Amino acid sequence: MIVKNEEEYLQECLESVEDVVDEIILVDTGSTDRTVEIAKQFDAEVYHIPWNDNFAAARNESIKHASGDWILQLDADERLDPESKKELRHWLENNSKMCISVLIDSPKEENNKGHISRAHRLFRNLPGIQYSGRIHEQISPSVSKLKGEEGFTNIKVMHLGYNKSEVEMQAKSERNFLLLKRQLAEEPNNAYYHFTLAQNLILQKEYQQALTSLNTALKLGGLPKDIRCSIYNNLTEVHTKLGKYEEAVQFAAKAISLSRNQTTSYLLLYEIYGYLDNPLRQIDCLESVLDITGKQKQSYNEVSLEAYVDETAIYINLGNRYLKTKKLEKAHNYFQKALEKDGNNFLALTGKANSFLETGDFQKAQELFERVHQQAPDDFGILEKLGWLAIKLQNFHKGIEIYEKLLTFHPENFNILKRLAALYSKTGNLPKSKEHLLRLKSI
């Protein structure tokens, strides 16, 4: 490991591996907090070096001190997934590979978003294997020189780095940008660093500059298929952000033709066809996502970075698109699938209620909208539908109760006052009906 001021994350990281590693080598580049103290609680060997804006140099210093046959490299904001320990031991005992690619799972707390990527974090401790690159450092170039074989595993490392504060993320992005610019000044024809610079520029919303970097990476060539596929997906994303939807669709098609068993391209296309108001094509995209995830349960070998697939959200979005195209049975079925995964999901309940509304099953629609109303008691749209359903089901007193509440939101709303006047008339309360008619006249 290389660390600097990681007291917030380090203990949990080391706890995740202390029962599967023989030694812990930690290179500190200038911590002023409790990082070193925490490391020594785990009997780590701690070495100190000054930071010189070069991640590869610091990594190489750390592996120089390793005495084991294999090296596992982690960052402080990462944890080895407990479920992966058995597979880790198996790979160390039963393979002839020189380096092993593991899954890096990077969740984001908001909206169940995140992505899965691959990285060479497990490799043999052999002369000649070393890192290169000031930033986004890699061991794969040295492994290639030694003609070593790479193994793909489902060993998973959880990465918490995207859940840091906005200030921390901005500082990290700015640091990475400066290091990437220095790296490219030293290696202007390195396609991989043009690709990683583009990703940094996308995060900064510098889409025109990102476009230039992505095109340069493709032009220089020599990149593996998974990186090329990610470049096409990045080009899809950038053209979408720039409102160039036809070009975006073309790049997504290139990504799919290169790597068919990845879902990111289809999720990007789903977004594009939303802007183009084409629900039928959106349906095709989401059905493709479900088909891919159902068949292979994501091996993540075909693309360097794959977006999370939230099946509940996919089911809800399919339900809404089928509802929009009046394919009501399919809509109903997908909302039901979403509810089987999350029985109180607000959007799934609302969608299913709307599907009953479309088929004229007002009683079932009302029951579901009541459940939705419990979750969002001040949602005007839900209340309005409950009021309309109360009228359809001839429950006029309930209708009055709902429309009076709606009136508190919009005291001068013509349609609400009109409905209340009619409802009071139907229940025989003529003074109240007259009162609302007089208010109508004053609007």
Foldseek 3Di string as FASTA:
>chain_A
DEDAQLPVQQLQACVQCLVPDDAAFYEYAYHPDCVVVSCVVSVHHYHYDHDDLAPQVRQQVRLVPDDDFKFFDDDRQKHFDNVQSVVVVVPVVDDDFFWEKEKEWEFEPPPRKTKIFIAGRMGTSDPQQGWDASPPIHRVVSCVVVVTHYHYDHGYMYGHVNHDDPVVVVVVLVSRLVRLVVRCVVVVLALVSLQVNLVSCVVVVVLVSSVVSLVSSVVSDPDDQQSVLVSLLSVLVSCVVVVNLVVSLVSLVVSCVSPVLALSSLVSVLVSVVVVVNLVSNLVSLVSNCVSCVPPVDSNPRHRMGMDDDLLVSLLSNLVSCVVVVVLVSSLVSLVVSCVVPVLDLSSLQSNLVSCVVVVVLVSSLVSLVSSCVVPVPDLVSLVSNLVSCVVVVVLVVNLVSLVSSCVVPVLDLVSLQSNLVSCVVVVNNVRSVVSVVSNVVD
